[in-house]
C-alpha cells in the first residue's frame, strides 16, 4: 500500500497540532511535519536576532521578503526527532512554549500575510515528497492545498470561539487573561481570513470538535475520515 499525505489545517485554537500528535499513535509508520512551527521558527529568529523588530513594525520589515531566503539567513533549520519535526535556530533547539506564545502566534499571522512564501512552499513540497517515500506524512500548517496540491486528505478542524478560548486558557496557564486571549484569537482569525488561509476546497473535510471532551475524542473523529 502506498504512503499517504494528510494535511491538517484549522481555526486558531481548534487543537490541530494536538490532533496531529495523537494521530501518530494510530497511523502506522507515520511522522509529522509541523509546517506552522517552521514558519514560527523563522519569525522567532527574526524577532530575536538583536534588532528592534516587534509586532508593530513587523509588517513593514517583512513586506514582500522571500521567507525562505530569510530562513537560510537566520540559520533556521529543522530536524526529525521522535517522528516529529523540531526547530533549531543557530543550532539551538527552540521549544514549543516559545514558538506557541501569543506574541509569536500573532507575528506569524502578520508575516504570512505580507511575506513572499513561494520559495518556502517549494522547499516544503520537496520535503513532503522526500518523506513520503518512507512514511505516512501528517502535515500541520496553513495553505496546505497550495503547498502540496496532491494531498490524499485535506482536513479542516473547527470549534466555536468560546471553546477555543477555553483551550487557550488551559495552554497558557493560570495567569492567562481571558479577554486578551479572545481578542488575540479574533485578530488572528481575521488575519488568516485576509491571507486566504481558511479557504475550504471541494475535497476539504471539515470536522467540528467543539463538543469533543478531550483530544482523544477529537482524534477519533478525524480518524473516521481516513483510510490507511
C-alpha atoms as a PDB file:
ATOM      1  CA  UNK A   1       0.000   0.000   0.000  1.00  0.00           C
ATOM      2  CA  UNK A   2       1.328   3.448  -0.900  1.00  0.00           C
ATOM      3  CA  UNK A   3       2.092   6.016   1.775  1.00  0.00           C
ATOM      4  CA  UNK A   4      -0.344   8.882   2.186  1.00  0.00           C
ATOM      5  CA  UNK A   5      -0.098  12.595   2.957  1.00  0.00           C
ATOM      6  CA  UNK A   6      -2.641  14.035   5.395  1.00  0.00           C
ATOM      7  CA  UNK A   7      -2.934  17.808   5.582  1.00  0.00           C
ATOM      8  CA  UNK A   8      -4.492  19.246   8.723  1.00  0.00           C
ATOM      9  CA  UNK A   9      -5.494  22.889   8.975  1.00  0.00           C
ATOM     10  CA  UNK A  10      -7.975  24.592  11.247  1.00  0.00           C
ATOM     11  CA  UNK A  11      -9.165  27.622  13.133  1.00  0.00           C
ATOM     12  CA  UNK A  12      -6.841  29.219  15.683  1.00  0.00           C
ATOM     13  CA  UNK A  13      -7.006  27.207  18.903  1.00  0.00           C
ATOM     14  CA  UNK A  14      -9.043  24.346  17.446  1.00  0.00           C
ATOM     15  CA  UNK A  15      -6.472  21.736  18.517  1.00  0.00           C
ATOM     16  CA  UNK A  16      -4.979  20.786  15.155  1.00  0.00           C
ATOM     17  CA  UNK A  17      -1.415  20.405  16.482  1.00  0.00           C
ATOM     18  CA  UNK A  18      -2.533  18.183  19.356  1.00  0.00           C
ATOM     19  CA  UNK A  19      -4.606  16.088  16.951  1.00  0.00           C
ATOM     20  CA  UNK A  20      -1.574  15.587  14.717  1.00  0.00           C
ATOM     21  CA  UNK A  21       0.477  14.358  17.673  1.00  0.00           C
ATOM     22  CA  UNK A  22      -2.286  11.977  18.705  1.00  0.00           C
ATOM     23  CA  UNK A  23      -2.588  10.597  15.168  1.00  0.00           C
ATOM     24  CA  UNK A  24       0.947   9.213  15.477  1.00  0.00           C
ATOM     25  CA  UNK A  25      -0.463   6.633  17.908  1.00  0.00           C
ATOM     26  CA  UNK A  26      -2.965   5.332  15.372  1.00  0.00           C
ATOM     27  CA  UNK A  27      -1.445   5.662  11.904  1.00  0.00           C
ATOM     28  CA  UNK A  28       1.409   3.182  11.431  1.00  0.00           C
ATOM     29  CA  UNK A  29       4.775   4.310  10.103  1.00  0.00           C
ATOM     30  CA  UNK A  30       3.758   7.962  10.355  1.00  0.00           C
ATOM     31  CA  UNK A  31       5.572  11.224  11.031  1.00  0.00           C
ATOM     32  CA  UNK A  32       4.586  14.878  11.446  1.00  0.00           C
ATOM     33  CA  UNK A  33       5.867  17.920   9.624  1.00  0.00           C
ATOM     34  CA  UNK A  34       4.823  20.909  11.744  1.00  0.00           C
ATOM     35  CA  UNK A  35       4.760  23.432   8.927  1.00  0.00           C
ATOM     36  CA  UNK A  36       3.406  26.122  11.195  1.00  0.00           C
ATOM     37  CA  UNK A  37       6.332  25.701  13.572  1.00  0.00           C
ATOM     38  CA  UNK A  38       8.818  26.129  10.748  1.00  0.00           C
ATOM     39  CA  UNK A  39       7.208  29.477   9.982  1.00  0.00           C
ATOM     40  CA  UNK A  40       7.111  30.298  13.695  1.00  0.00           C
ATOM     41  CA  UNK A  41      10.809  29.485  13.940  1.00  0.00           C
ATOM     42  CA  UNK A  42      11.642  31.934  11.157  1.00  0.00           C
ATOM     43  CA  UNK A  43       9.608  34.717  12.756  1.00  0.00           C
ATOM     44  CA  UNK A  44      11.000  33.883  16.211  1.00  0.00           C
ATOM     45  CA  UNK A  45      14.558  34.128  14.868  1.00  0.00           C
ATOM     46  CA  UNK A  46      13.749  37.430  13.162  1.00  0.00           C
ATOM     47  CA  UNK A  47      12.361  38.886  16.383  1.00  0.00           C
ATOM     48  CA  UNK A  48      15.364  37.728  18.435  1.00  0.00           C
ATOM     49  CA  UNK A  49      18.271  38.488  16.119  1.00  0.00           C
ATOM     50  CA  UNK A  50      19.427  41.584  18.003  1.00  0.00           C
ATOM     51  CA  UNK A  51      17.402  44.112  16.023  1.00  0.00           C
ATOM     52  CA  UNK A  52      14.431  46.055  17.325  1.00  0.00           C
ATOM     53  CA  UNK A  53      11.694  44.283  15.429  1.00  0.00           C
ATOM     54  CA  UNK A  54       8.345  43.927  17.152  1.00  0.00           C
ATOM     55  CA  UNK A  55       4.793  43.208  16.077  1.00  0.00           C
ATOM     56  CA  UNK A  56       4.096  46.896  15.450  1.00  0.00           C
ATOM     57  CA  UNK A  57       6.759  47.227  12.751  1.00  0.00           C
ATOM     58  CA  UNK A  58       6.987  43.603  11.629  1.00  0.00           C
ATOM     59  CA  UNK A  59       4.639  44.212   8.687  1.00  0.00           C
ATOM     60  CA  UNK A  60       6.939  46.857   7.234  1.00  0.00           C
ATOM     61  CA  UNK A  61      10.103  44.838   7.867  1.00  0.00           C
ATOM     62  CA  UNK A  62       8.835  41.687   6.195  1.00  0.00           C
ATOM     63  CA  UNK A  63       6.829  43.167   3.311  1.00  0.00           C
ATOM     64  CA  UNK A  64       7.454  41.024   0.198  1.00  0.00           C
ATOM     65  CA  UNK A  65      10.615  39.478   1.723  1.00  0.00           C
ATOM     66  CA  UNK A  66      11.457  35.973   0.481  1.00  0.00           C
ATOM     67  CA  UNK A  67      10.728  33.999   3.645  1.00  0.00           C
ATOM     68  CA  UNK A  68      12.881  31.022   2.540  1.00  0.00           C
ATOM     69  CA  UNK A  69      15.844  33.337   1.980  1.00  0.00           C
ATOM     70  CA  UNK A  70      15.205  34.800   5.430  1.00  0.00           C
ATOM     71  CA  UNK A  71      15.092  31.286   6.894  1.00  0.00           C
ATOM     72  CA  UNK A  72      18.545  30.492   5.497  1.00  0.00           C
ATOM     73  CA  UNK A  73      19.989  33.850   6.551  1.00  0.00           C
ATOM     74  CA  UNK A  74      18.765  33.423  10.141  1.00  0.00           C
ATOM     75  CA  UNK A  75      20.050  29.811  10.253  1.00  0.00           C
ATOM     76  CA  UNK A  76      16.656  28.304  10.944  1.00  0.00           C
ATOM     77  CA  UNK A  77      16.667  24.537  10.460  1.00  0.00           C
ATOM     78  CA  UNK A  78      14.519  21.619  11.405  1.00  0.00           C
ATOM     79  CA  UNK A  79      15.173  18.010  12.234  1.00  0.00           C
ATOM     80  CA  UNK A  80      13.012  14.953  12.768  1.00  0.00           C
ATOM     81  CA  UNK A  81      13.060  13.770  16.380  1.00  0.00           C
ATOM     82  CA  UNK A  82      10.708  11.109  17.724  1.00  0.00           C
ATOM     83  CA  UNK A  83       8.724  11.187  14.458  1.00  0.00           C
ATOM     84  CA  UNK A  84       8.115  14.955  14.605  1.00  0.00           C
ATOM     85  CA  UNK A  85       9.844  17.984  13.121  1.00  0.00           C
ATOM     86  CA  UNK A  86      11.582  20.263  15.624  1.00  0.00           C
ATOM     87  CA  UNK A  87      13.082  23.715  15.088  1.00  0.00           C
ATOM     88  CA  UNK A  88      16.656  24.885  15.598  1.00  0.00           C
ATOM     89  CA  UNK A  89      17.947  28.451  15.345  1.00  0.00           C
ATOM     90  CA  UNK A  90      21.731  28.825  15.263  1.00  0.00           C
ATOM     91  CA  UNK A  91      21.942  25.170  16.335  1.00  0.00           C
ATOM     92  CA  UNK A  92      19.825  25.851  19.446  1.00  0.00           C
ATOM     93  CA  UNK A  93      16.578  23.900  19.763  1.00  0.00           C
ATOM     94  CA  UNK A  94      13.568  26.196  20.236  1.00  0.00           C
ATOM     95  CA  UNK A  95      10.911  24.663  22.450  1.00  0.00           C
ATOM     96  CA  UNK A  96       7.197  24.716  21.680  1.00  0.00           C
ATOM     97  CA  UNK A  97       6.426  27.142  24.511  1.00  0.00           C
ATOM     98  CA  UNK A  98       8.434  29.878  22.801  1.00  0.00           C
ATOM     99  CA  UNK A  99       7.104  29.055  19.347  1.00  0.00           C
ATOM    100  CA  UNK A 100       3.489  28.947  20.543  1.00  0.00           C
ATOM    101  CA  UNK A 101       3.498  32.143  22.620  1.00  0.00           C
ATOM    102  CA  UNK A 102       0.769  34.719  21.974  1.00  0.00           C
ATOM    103  CA  UNK A 103       3.286  37.226  20.627  1.00  0.00           C
ATOM    104  CA  UNK A 104       4.846  34.705  18.247  1.00  0.00           C
ATOM    105  CA  UNK A 105       1.448  33.473  17.076  1.00  0.00           C
ATOM    106  CA  UNK A 106       0.250  36.958  16.174  1.00  0.00           C
ATOM    107  CA  UNK A 107       3.577  37.770  14.489  1.00  0.00           C
ATOM    108  CA  UNK A 108       3.308  34.639  12.328  1.00  0.00           C
ATOM    109  CA  UNK A 109      -0.162  35.664  11.164  1.00  0.00           C
ATOM    110  CA  UNK A 110       1.179  39.084  10.154  1.00  0.00           C
ATOM    111  CA  UNK A 111       4.219  37.612   8.405  1.00  0.00           C
ATOM    112  CA  UNK A 112       2.172  35.052   6.495  1.00  0.00           C
ATOM    113  CA  UNK A 113       0.027  37.817   5.048  1.00  0.00           C
ATOM    114  CA  UNK A 114       2.911  40.057   3.942  1.00  0.00           C
ATOM    115  CA  UNK A 115       5.980  37.932   3.074  1.00  0.00           C
ATOM    116  CA  UNK A 116       6.778  36.141  -0.203  1.00  0.00           C
ATOM    117  CA  UNK A 117       6.138  32.475   0.587  1.00  0.00           C
ATOM    118  CA  UNK A 118       6.712  30.940  -2.863  1.00  0.00           C
ATOM    119  CA  UNK A 119      10.212  29.527  -2.305  1.00  0.00           C
ATOM    120  CA  UNK A 120       9.328  28.271   1.164  1.00  0.00           C
ATOM    121  CA  UNK A 121       6.337  26.451  -0.336  1.00  0.00           C
ATOM    122  CA  UNK A 122       8.582  24.777  -2.908  1.00  0.00           C
ATOM    123  CA  UNK A 123      11.005  23.775  -0.153  1.00  0.00           C
ATOM    124  CA  UNK A 124       8.123  22.269   1.857  1.00  0.00           C
ATOM    125  CA  UNK A 125       6.731  20.437  -1.189  1.00  0.00           C
ATOM    126  CA  UNK A 126      10.072  18.789  -1.841  1.00  0.00           C
ATOM    127  CA  UNK A 127      10.356  17.786   1.819  1.00  0.00           C
ATOM    128  CA  UNK A 128       6.949  16.132   1.782  1.00  0.00           C
ATOM    129  CA  UNK A 129       7.816  14.214  -1.374  1.00  0.00           C
ATOM    130  CA  UNK A 130      11.056  13.048   0.193  1.00  0.00           C
ATOM    131  CA  UNK A 131       9.496  11.813   3.433  1.00  0.00           C
ATOM    132  CA  UNK A 132       6.517  10.268   1.652  1.00  0.00           C
ATOM    133  CA  UNK A 133       8.869   7.704   0.132  1.00  0.00           C
ATOM    134  CA  UNK A 134       9.268   6.096   3.568  1.00  0.00           C
ATOM    135  CA  UNK A 135       6.455   7.378   5.788  1.00  0.00           C
ATOM    136  CA  UNK A 136       2.806   8.280   6.008  1.00  0.00           C
ATOM    137  CA  UNK A 137       3.202  12.054   6.342  1.00  0.00           C
ATOM    138  CA  UNK A 138       0.962  14.194   8.550  1.00  0.00           C
ATOM    139  CA  UNK A 139       1.369  17.885   7.710  1.00  0.00           C
ATOM    140  CA  UNK A 140       0.126  20.584  10.047  1.00  0.00           C
ATOM    141  CA  UNK A 141       0.057  24.185   8.856  1.00  0.00           C
ATOM    142  CA  UNK A 142      -1.650  26.788   6.694  1.00  0.00           C
ATOM    143  CA  UNK A 143      -2.417  26.991   2.979  1.00  0.00           C
ATOM    144  CA  UNK A 144      -1.622  23.303   2.570  1.00  0.00           C
ATOM    145  CA  UNK A 145      -3.538  22.825  -0.671  1.00  0.00           C
ATOM    146  CA  UNK A 146      -1.290  25.404  -2.318  1.00  0.00           C
ATOM    147  CA  UNK A 147       1.840  23.982  -0.722  1.00  0.00           C
ATOM    148  CA  UNK A 148       1.011  20.391  -1.655  1.00  0.00           C
ATOM    149  CA  UNK A 149      -1.916  20.056  -4.088  1.00  0.00           C
ATOM    150  CA  UNK A 150      -1.667  16.243  -4.109  1.00  0.00           C
ATOM    151  CA  UNK A 151      -2.779  15.787  -0.514  1.00  0.00           C
ATOM    152  CA  UNK A 152      -4.587  12.485  -0.005  1.00  0.00           C
ATOM    153  CA  UNK A 153      -6.669  14.151   2.703  1.00  0.00           C
ATOM    154  CA  UNK A 154      -7.285  17.811   3.452  1.00  0.00           C
ATOM    155  CA  UNK A 155      -8.904  18.209   6.869  1.00  0.00           C
ATOM    156  CA  UNK A 156     -10.052  21.491   8.397  1.00  0.00           C
ATOM    157  CA  UNK A 157     -10.643  21.473  12.165  1.00  0.00           C
ATOM    158  CA  UNK A 158     -13.185  23.879  13.645  1.00  0.00           C
ATOM    159  CA  UNK A 159     -14.568  24.716  17.073  1.00  0.00           C
ATOM    160  CA  UNK A 160     -16.650  27.637  18.310  1.00  0.00           C
ATOM    161  CA  UNK A 161     -14.899  30.724  19.692  1.00  0.00           C
ATOM    162  CA  UNK A 162     -15.709  30.145  23.372  1.00  0.00           C
ATOM    163  CA  UNK A 163     -14.301  26.618  23.234  1.00  0.00           C
ATOM    164  CA  UNK A 164     -11.147  27.810  21.512  1.00  0.00           C
ATOM    165  CA  UNK A 165     -10.667  30.487  24.169  1.00  0.00           C
ATOM    166  CA  UNK A 166     -11.126  27.859  26.884  1.00  0.00           C
ATOM    167  CA  UNK A 167      -8.454  25.648  25.359  1.00  0.00           C
ATOM    168  CA  UNK A 168      -6.008  28.523  25.017  1.00  0.00           C
ATOM    169  CA  UNK A 169      -6.631  29.417  28.663  1.00  0.00           C
ATOM    170  CA  UNK A 170      -5.520  25.909  29.601  1.00  0.00           C
ATOM    171  CA  UNK A 171      -2.490  26.118  27.319  1.00  0.00           C
ATOM    172  CA  UNK A 172      -1.253  29.461  28.681  1.00  0.00           C
ATOM    173  CA  UNK A 173      -1.829  28.615  32.355  1.00  0.00           C
ATOM    174  CA  UNK A 174      -3.282  30.246  35.439  1.00  0.00           C
ATOM    175  CA  UNK A 175      -2.034  33.765  34.615  1.00  0.00           C
ATOM    176  CA  UNK A 176      -3.788  33.834  31.256  1.00  0.00           C
ATOM    177  CA  UNK A 177      -6.155  36.738  30.631  1.00  0.00           C
ATOM    178  CA  UNK A 178      -9.396  35.519  29.060  1.00  0.00           C
ATOM    179  CA  UNK A 179     -10.297  38.762  27.296  1.00  0.00           C
ATOM    180  CA  UNK A 180      -6.800  39.202  25.887  1.00  0.00           C
ATOM    181  CA  UNK A 181      -6.813  35.640  24.587  1.00  0.00           C
ATOM    182  CA  UNK A 182     -10.220  36.114  22.971  1.00  0.00           C
ATOM    183  CA  UNK A 183      -9.078  39.363  21.335  1.00  0.00           C
ATOM    184  CA  UNK A 184      -5.886  37.695  20.118  1.00  0.00           C
ATOM    185  CA  UNK A 185      -7.787  34.761  18.586  1.00  0.00           C
ATOM    186  CA  UNK A 186     -10.237  37.089  16.828  1.00  0.00           C
ATOM    187  CA  UNK A 187      -7.358  39.191  15.496  1.00  0.00           C
ATOM    188  CA  UNK A 188      -5.510  36.123  14.226  1.00  0.00           C
ATOM    189  CA  UNK A 189      -8.734  34.729  12.702  1.00  0.00           C
ATOM    190  CA  UNK A 190      -9.131  37.965  10.733  1.00  0.00           C
ATOM    191  CA  UNK A 191      -5.512  37.879   9.542  1.00  0.00           C
ATOM    192  CA  UNK A 192      -5.849  34.235   8.462  1.00  0.00           C
ATOM    193  CA  UNK A 193      -9.015  35.058   6.517  1.00  0.00           C
ATOM    194  CA  UNK A 194      -7.328  38.017   4.821  1.00  0.00           C
ATOM    195  CA  UNK A 195      -4.465  35.754   3.759  1.00  0.00           C
ATOM    196  CA  UNK A 196      -6.921  33.185   2.369  1.00  0.00           C
ATOM    197  CA  UNK A 197      -5.803  30.509   4.831  1.00  0.00           C
ATOM    198  CA  UNK A 198      -9.314  29.497   5.891  1.00  0.00           C
ATOM    199  CA  UNK A 199     -10.340  28.514   2.380  1.00  0.00           C
ATOM    200  CA  UNK A 200     -12.465  25.379   2.051  1.00  0.00           C
ATOM    201  CA  UNK A 201     -11.861  23.358  -1.138  1.00  0.00           C
ATOM    202  CA  UNK A 202     -14.038  20.789  -2.895  1.00  0.00           C
ATOM    203  CA  UNK A 203     -12.048  17.970  -1.311  1.00  0.00           C
ATOM    204  CA  UNK A 204     -11.810  19.547   2.165  1.00  0.00           C
ATOM    205  CA  UNK A 205     -13.304  17.571   5.042  1.00  0.00           C
ATOM    206  CA  UNK A 206     -14.475  19.957   7.766  1.00  0.00           C
ATOM    207  CA  UNK A 207     -14.570  18.492  11.272  1.00  0.00           C
ATOM    208  CA  UNK A 208     -16.160  20.344  14.198  1.00  0.00           C
ATOM    209  CA  UNK A 209     -14.603  19.291  17.523  1.00  0.00           C
ATOM    210  CA  UNK A 210     -16.426  21.785  19.744  1.00  0.00           C
ATOM    211  CA  UNK A 211     -18.185  19.087  21.732  1.00  0.00           C
ATOM    212  CA  UNK A 212     -15.284  16.639  21.958  1.00  0.00           C
ATOM    213  CA  UNK A 213     -14.359  16.229  25.616  1.00  0.00           C
ATOM    214  CA  UNK A 214     -10.648  15.620  25.008  1.00  0.00           C
ATOM    215  CA  UNK A 215      -8.009  15.313  22.321  1.00  0.00           C
ATOM    216  CA  UNK A 216      -8.509  11.552  22.047  1.00  0.00           C
ATOM    217  CA  UNK A 217     -12.151  12.063  21.115  1.00  0.00           C
ATOM    218  CA  UNK A 218     -11.231  14.768  18.594  1.00  0.00           C
ATOM    219  CA  UNK A 219      -8.642  12.487  17.024  1.00  0.00           C
ATOM    220  CA  UNK A 220     -11.023   9.561  16.724  1.00  0.00           C
ATOM    221  CA  UNK A 221     -13.477  11.877  14.974  1.00  0.00           C
ATOM    222  CA  UNK A 222     -10.723  12.719  12.486  1.00  0.00           C
ATOM    223  CA  UNK A 223      -9.817   9.065  12.012  1.00  0.00           C
ATOM    224  CA  UNK A 224     -13.370   8.307  10.863  1.00  0.00           C
ATOM    225  CA  UNK A 225     -12.448  10.074   7.599  1.00  0.00           C
ATOM    226  CA  UNK A 226      -9.022   8.500   6.937  1.00  0.00           C
ATOM    227  CA  UNK A 227      -8.151   5.156   5.379  1.00  0.00           C
ATOM    228  CA  UNK A 228      -4.612   3.914   5.981  1.00  0.00           C
END
